[in-house]
Every structure is written in C-alpha cells, then in structure tokens.
Amino acid sequence: MIKCAKGQIQRLKTALRWKMAAGQRQRIQMVLLRESGMTQPLIAAAMGVPLTPVNRAHMAYDQDGLEALKPRPSGGRNRGNMTLREEEALLARFAKAAGGGKMLNIHDLKAACEKAIGHETSKSTIYNLLARQGWRKLMPRPFHPRRDIAAWNAFKKTAFQIP
C-alpha cells in the first residue's frame, strides 16, 4: 500500500470541494479512505461498490495522480472510416461540379471513397457521408432499370387518344 505525502492528501481534500462529477468525487474518497488506514474490501463495503472500482481507483491514482481520477470522455466516432476533415476534403473534389449545377454521380463518389479508405463500402455509407456533410440532393434515377421501351412507346401512342 502506497502512502501519500501530506501535500498530496491536502490536494485530495481540496479537490473534494471542487464542483465535479459524482464518480470522480467517489474515486477521490476511495483514495482518501485508503490513506486513513482502511483496506480495499472495507472501502468497497463502505462506499457500496464492488472491489474492482476501488482497486482501479487506487492503481490509477498511484500511477498518474489526481488527473487519473477524472472521468474519461465517452462517445465519438470510433468506427468512422475517415475523419470529418478527410470527408470534407473528399467531397471538395466533387463540390465544384455539384456547385456548377451538375448532378453528383454516387457511383463515382463511392469509387473515390473506396480508394481513399482502402476497402469496399456500401452505398448507404456514402449516403450517410453526404448527409453528415450537409449534402441533401442525390442523383435521381432517370428510368427504371428493367424498363420496356417498346411498351412505353406503344402506351404513348394509344393512351391519350380522344375518340
């Protein structure tokens, strides 16, 4: 068991008066209780937590001091293929054509994106990328892929005849 110096104990007591998250306050109290002579199982019982968080708080404080007891940020884009800036740079190549009134071809964008990230991806990933960057209008499908041109022309000739 590592004992803290008087200055460290004073800093921990001062830190308890700060406005902070409840979890951080609890971890500071765990370290202070250890310095008062309590063992980890007694601290866990007194704090109403399992033994593991007590052990982790003590190890973190012993290695990195008071900074280690602060909560770590959670969330973020942990599974993103590219950063937001990389996405902006990729779309900047297509922005000139799109800004000039031309339509953006999703297949070209998908190929460029796959080349940038180094592996294949789905169309939905590209659509999500466009939505994330504020692009809203996508290329409409000009015709059905299984159209019958002969039936379409026959319909145009016979459908709107006035008897």
C-alpha atoms as a PDB file:
ATOM      1  CA  MET A   1       0.000   0.000   0.000  1.00  0.00           C
ATOM      2  CA  ILE A   2       1.468   3.319  -1.092  1.00  0.00           C
ATOM      3  CA  LYS A   3       1.106   6.127   1.367  1.00  0.00           C
ATOM      4  CA  CYS A   4       0.621   9.663   0.144  1.00  0.00           C
ATOM      5  CA  ALA A   5       2.593  12.635   1.367  1.00  0.00           C
ATOM      6  CA  LYS A   6       0.800  15.260   3.451  1.00  0.00           C
ATOM      7  CA  GLY A   7       0.750  17.619   0.459  1.00  0.00           C
ATOM      8  CA  GLN A   8      -0.959  15.018  -1.703  1.00  0.00           C
ATOM      9  CA  ILE A   9      -3.575  14.333   0.958  1.00  0.00           C
ATOM     10  CA  GLN A  10      -4.224  18.069   1.276  1.00  0.00           C
ATOM     11  CA  ARG A  11      -4.664  18.343  -2.528  1.00  0.00           C
ATOM     12  CA  LEU A  12      -7.129  15.432  -2.465  1.00  0.00           C
ATOM     13  CA  LYS A  13      -9.141  17.076   0.336  1.00  0.00           C
ATOM     14  CA  THR A  14      -9.129  20.355  -1.560  1.00  0.00           C
ATOM     15  CA  ALA A  15     -10.272  18.541  -4.712  1.00  0.00           C
ATOM     16  CA  LEU A  16     -13.300  17.199  -2.847  1.00  0.00           C
ATOM     17  CA  ARG A  17     -14.577  20.772  -2.502  1.00  0.00           C
ATOM     18  CA  TRP A  18     -14.496  21.335  -6.251  1.00  0.00           C
ATOM     19  CA  LYS A  19     -17.596  21.059  -8.368  1.00  0.00           C
ATOM     20  CA  MET A  20     -17.220  17.697 -10.142  1.00  0.00           C
ATOM     21  CA  ALA A  21     -18.989  14.580 -11.303  1.00  0.00           C
ATOM     22  CA  ALA A  22     -20.157  12.147  -8.632  1.00  0.00           C
ATOM     23  CA  GLY A  23     -17.946   9.353  -9.948  1.00  0.00           C
ATOM     24  CA  GLN A  24     -14.828  11.482  -9.661  1.00  0.00           C
ATOM     25  CA  ARG A  25     -15.747  12.540  -6.122  1.00  0.00           C
ATOM     26  CA  GLN A  26     -16.258   8.882  -5.203  1.00  0.00           C
ATOM     27  CA  ARG A  27     -12.842   7.871  -6.580  1.00  0.00           C
ATOM     28  CA  ILE A  28     -11.144  10.657  -4.585  1.00  0.00           C
ATOM     29  CA  GLN A  29     -12.929   9.473  -1.448  1.00  0.00           C
ATOM     30  CA  MET A  30     -11.701   5.924  -2.122  1.00  0.00           C
ATOM     31  CA  VAL A  31      -8.091   7.139  -2.171  1.00  0.00           C
ATOM     32  CA  LEU A  32      -8.572   9.231   0.975  1.00  0.00           C
ATOM     33  CA  LEU A  33     -10.117   6.291   2.822  1.00  0.00           C
ATOM     34  CA  ARG A  34      -7.116   4.165   1.914  1.00  0.00           C
ATOM     35  CA  GLU A  35      -4.836   6.836   3.374  1.00  0.00           C
ATOM     36  CA  SER A  36      -6.840   6.776   6.588  1.00  0.00           C
ATOM     37  CA  GLY A  37      -5.891   3.108   7.006  1.00  0.00           C
ATOM     38  CA  MET A  38      -8.887   1.227   5.579  1.00  0.00           C
ATOM     39  CA  THR A  39      -8.332  -1.825   3.385  1.00  0.00           C
ATOM     40  CA  GLN A  40      -9.854  -2.177  -0.070  1.00  0.00           C
ATOM     41  CA  PRO A  41     -12.629  -4.620   0.965  1.00  0.00           C
ATOM     42  CA  LEU A  42     -13.660  -2.269   3.781  1.00  0.00           C
ATOM     43  CA  ILE A  43     -13.627   0.727   1.423  1.00  0.00           C
ATOM     44  CA  ALA A  44     -15.768  -1.185  -1.087  1.00  0.00           C
ATOM     45  CA  ALA A  45     -18.283  -2.072   1.615  1.00  0.00           C
ATOM     46  CA  ALA A  46     -18.351   1.492   2.974  1.00  0.00           C
ATOM     47  CA  MET A  47     -18.789   3.054  -0.493  1.00  0.00           C
ATOM     48  CA  GLY A  48     -21.326   0.458  -1.639  1.00  0.00           C
ATOM     49  CA  VAL A  49     -19.370  -0.556  -4.734  1.00  0.00           C
ATOM     50  CA  PRO A  50     -17.613  -3.764  -5.804  1.00  0.00           C
ATOM     51  CA  LEU A  51     -13.943  -4.262  -5.022  1.00  0.00           C
ATOM     52  CA  THR A  52     -12.789  -3.752  -8.640  1.00  0.00           C
ATOM     53  CA  PRO A  53     -13.562   0.000  -8.897  1.00  0.00           C
ATOM     54  CA  VAL A  54     -11.763   0.590  -5.601  1.00  0.00           C
ATOM     55  CA  ASN A  55      -8.705  -1.266  -6.847  1.00  0.00           C
ATOM     56  CA  ARG A  56      -8.774   0.600 -10.181  1.00  0.00           C
ATOM     57  CA  ALA A  57      -9.073   3.987  -8.483  1.00  0.00           C
ATOM     58  CA  HIS A  58      -6.098   3.215  -6.245  1.00  0.00           C
ATOM     59  CA  MET A  59      -3.939   1.954  -9.115  1.00  0.00           C
ATOM     60  CA  ALA A  60      -4.836   4.939 -11.299  1.00  0.00           C
ATOM     61  CA  TYR A  61      -4.007   7.409  -8.537  1.00  0.00           C
ATOM     62  CA  ASP A  62      -0.731   5.629  -7.738  1.00  0.00           C
ATOM     63  CA  GLN A  63       0.363   5.792 -11.376  1.00  0.00           C
ATOM     64  CA  ASP A  64      -0.884   9.196 -12.547  1.00  0.00           C
ATOM     65  CA  GLY A  65      -2.077  11.150  -9.540  1.00  0.00           C
ATOM     66  CA  LEU A  66      -5.198  13.277  -9.286  1.00  0.00           C
ATOM     67  CA  GLU A  67      -5.568  13.632 -13.068  1.00  0.00           C
ATOM     68  CA  ALA A  68      -6.178   9.878 -13.384  1.00  0.00           C
ATOM     69  CA  LEU A  69      -9.280  10.113 -11.183  1.00  0.00           C
ATOM     70  CA  LYS A  70     -11.068  12.413 -13.644  1.00  0.00           C
ATOM     71  CA  PRO A  71     -13.726  10.748 -15.796  1.00  0.00           C
ATOM     72  CA  ARG A  72     -12.739   9.814 -19.310  1.00  0.00           C
ATOM     73  CA  PRO A  73     -14.815  11.248 -22.145  1.00  0.00           C
ATOM     74  CA  SER A  74     -17.158   8.788 -23.800  1.00  0.00           C
ATOM     75  CA  GLY A  75     -18.663   8.671 -27.246  1.00  0.00           C
ATOM     76  CA  GLY A  76     -17.266   9.916 -30.514  1.00  0.00           C
ATOM     77  CA  ARG A  77     -16.856   8.442 -33.961  1.00  0.00           C
ATOM     78  CA  ASN A  78     -14.894   5.376 -33.002  1.00  0.00           C
ATOM     79  CA  ARG A  79     -15.757   3.362 -36.105  1.00  0.00           C
ATOM     80  CA  GLY A  80     -15.530   6.046 -38.756  1.00  0.00           C
ATOM     81  CA  ASN A  81     -13.678   5.211 -41.958  1.00  0.00           C
ATOM     82  CA  MET A  82     -12.429   8.798 -42.273  1.00  0.00           C
ATOM     83  CA  THR A  83     -12.307  11.843 -40.054  1.00  0.00           C
ATOM     84  CA  LEU A  84     -14.749  14.664 -40.745  1.00  0.00           C
ATOM     85  CA  ARG A  85     -11.952  16.736 -42.290  1.00  0.00           C
ATOM     86  CA  GLU A  86     -10.991  13.880 -44.610  1.00  0.00           C
ATOM     87  CA  GLU A  87     -14.629  13.559 -45.652  1.00  0.00           C
ATOM     88  CA  GLU A  88     -14.752  17.309 -46.387  1.00  0.00           C
ATOM     89  CA  ALA A  89     -11.583  17.038 -48.481  1.00  0.00           C
ATOM     90  CA  LEU A  90     -13.029  14.108 -50.430  1.00  0.00           C
ATOM     91  CA  LEU A  91     -16.270  15.955 -51.146  1.00  0.00           C
ATOM     92  CA  ALA A  92     -14.412  19.147 -52.076  1.00  0.00           C
ATOM     93  CA  ARG A  93     -13.295  17.431 -55.278  1.00  0.00           C
ATOM     94  CA  PHE A  94     -16.935  16.856 -56.219  1.00  0.00           C
ATOM     95  CA  ALA A  95     -18.251  20.181 -54.904  1.00  0.00           C
ATOM     96  CA  LYS A  96     -17.143  22.201 -57.933  1.00  0.00           C
ATOM     97  CA  ALA A  97     -19.178  20.044 -60.317  1.00  0.00           C
ATOM     98  CA  ALA A  98     -22.147  19.924 -57.953  1.00  0.00           C
ATOM     99  CA  GLY A  99     -21.985  23.674 -57.387  1.00  0.00           C
ATOM    100  CA  GLY A 100     -21.995  24.238 -61.145  1.00  0.00           C
ATOM    101  CA  GLY A 101     -25.433  22.658 -61.407  1.00  0.00           C
ATOM    102  CA  LYS A 102     -24.254  19.240 -62.496  1.00  0.00           C
ATOM    103  CA  MET A 103     -25.514  16.146 -60.748  1.00  0.00           C
ATOM    104  CA  LEU A 104     -23.276  14.181 -58.461  1.00  0.00           C
ATOM    105  CA  ASN A 105     -22.900  10.587 -59.570  1.00  0.00           C
ATOM    106  CA  ILE A 106     -22.966   8.385 -56.482  1.00  0.00           C
ATOM    107  CA  HIS A 107     -21.001   5.635 -58.230  1.00  0.00           C
ATOM    108  CA  ASP A 108     -18.054   7.972 -58.879  1.00  0.00           C
ATOM    109  CA  LEU A 109     -18.164   9.202 -55.284  1.00  0.00           C
ATOM    110  CA  LYS A 110     -18.339   5.619 -53.994  1.00  0.00           C
ATOM    111  CA  ALA A 111     -15.291   4.635 -56.078  1.00  0.00           C
ATOM    112  CA  ALA A 112     -13.316   7.648 -54.817  1.00  0.00           C
ATOM    113  CA  CYS A 113     -14.302   6.921 -51.229  1.00  0.00           C
ATOM    114  CA  GLU A 114     -13.315   3.268 -51.511  1.00  0.00           C
ATOM    115  CA  LYS A 115      -9.967   4.295 -52.964  1.00  0.00           C
ATOM    116  CA  ALA A 116      -9.427   6.733 -50.073  1.00  0.00           C
ATOM    117  CA  ILE A 117     -10.271   4.263 -47.297  1.00  0.00           C
ATOM    118  CA  GLY A 118      -8.645   1.249 -48.944  1.00  0.00           C
ATOM    119  CA  HIS A 119     -11.563  -1.186 -48.935  1.00  0.00           C
ATOM    120  CA  GLU A 120     -15.054  -1.633 -50.351  1.00  0.00           C
ATOM    121  CA  THR A 121     -18.041   0.013 -48.728  1.00  0.00           C
ATOM    122  CA  SER A 122     -21.790   0.100 -49.214  1.00  0.00           C
ATOM    123  CA  LYS A 123     -23.891   2.787 -50.848  1.00  0.00           C
ATOM    124  CA  SER A 124     -25.556   3.559 -47.539  1.00  0.00           C
ATOM    125  CA  THR A 125     -22.155   4.570 -46.148  1.00  0.00           C
ATOM    126  CA  ILE A 126     -21.817   7.103 -48.966  1.00  0.00           C
ATOM    127  CA  TYR A 127     -25.336   8.422 -48.410  1.00  0.00           C
ATOM    128  CA  ASN A 128     -24.601   8.784 -44.681  1.00  0.00           C
ATOM    129  CA  LEU A 129     -21.375  10.629 -45.526  1.00  0.00           C
ATOM    130  CA  LEU A 130     -23.317  13.061 -47.727  1.00  0.00           C
ATOM    131  CA  ALA A 131     -25.952  13.613 -45.037  1.00  0.00           C
ATOM    132  CA  ARG A 132     -23.284  14.158 -42.373  1.00  0.00           C
ATOM    133  CA  GLN A 133     -21.622  16.811 -44.531  1.00  0.00           C
ATOM    134  CA  GLY A 134     -24.904  18.604 -45.230  1.00  0.00           C
ATOM    135  CA  TRP A 135     -25.434  17.481 -48.819  1.00  0.00           C
ATOM    136  CA  ARG A 136     -29.109  16.865 -49.409  1.00  0.00           C
ATOM    137  CA  LYS A 137     -29.923  16.318 -53.046  1.00  0.00           C
ATOM    138  CA  LEU A 138     -28.929  12.992 -54.517  1.00  0.00           C
ATOM    139  CA  MET A 139     -28.925  11.872 -58.140  1.00  0.00           C
ATOM    140  CA  PRO A 140     -32.411  10.686 -59.092  1.00  0.00           C
ATOM    141  CA  ARG A 141     -32.835   7.541 -61.111  1.00  0.00           C
ATOM    142  CA  PRO A 142     -33.868   8.748 -64.610  1.00  0.00           C
ATOM    143  CA  PHE A 143     -35.587   5.486 -65.553  1.00  0.00           C
ATOM    144  CA  HIS A 144     -36.420   2.083 -64.207  1.00  0.00           C
ATOM    145  CA  PRO A 145     -33.583  -0.389 -64.770  1.00  0.00           C
ATOM    146  CA  ARG A 146     -35.961  -3.043 -66.220  1.00  0.00           C
ATOM    147  CA  ARG A 147     -37.988  -0.733 -68.441  1.00  0.00           C
ATOM    148  CA  ASP A 148     -39.571  -1.882 -71.691  1.00  0.00           C
ATOM    149  CA  ILE A 149     -39.049   0.851 -74.277  1.00  0.00           C
ATOM    150  CA  ALA A 150     -41.359  -0.766 -76.841  1.00  0.00           C
ATOM    151  CA  ALA A 151     -44.241  -0.965 -74.352  1.00  0.00           C
ATOM    152  CA  TRP A 152     -43.583   2.624 -73.289  1.00  0.00           C
ATOM    153  CA  ASN A 153     -43.750   3.934 -76.872  1.00  0.00           C
ATOM    154  CA  ALA A 154     -46.899   1.892 -77.560  1.00  0.00           C
ATOM    155  CA  PHE A 155     -48.530   3.337 -74.439  1.00  0.00           C
ATOM    156  CA  LYS A 156     -47.698   6.896 -75.527  1.00  0.00           C
ATOM    157  CA  LYS A 157     -49.339   6.296 -78.904  1.00  0.00           C
ATOM    158  CA  THR A 158     -52.575   4.759 -77.601  1.00  0.00           C
ATOM    159  CA  ALA A 159     -53.132   6.156 -74.137  1.00  0.00           C
ATOM    160  CA  PHE A 160     -54.100   9.747 -74.842  1.00  0.00           C
ATOM    161  CA  GLN A 161     -56.233   9.396 -77.959  1.00  0.00           C
ATOM    162  CA  ILE A 162     -59.510  11.246 -77.914  1.00  0.00           C
ATOM    163  CA  PRO A 163     -62.291   9.236 -79.597  1.00  0.00           C
END
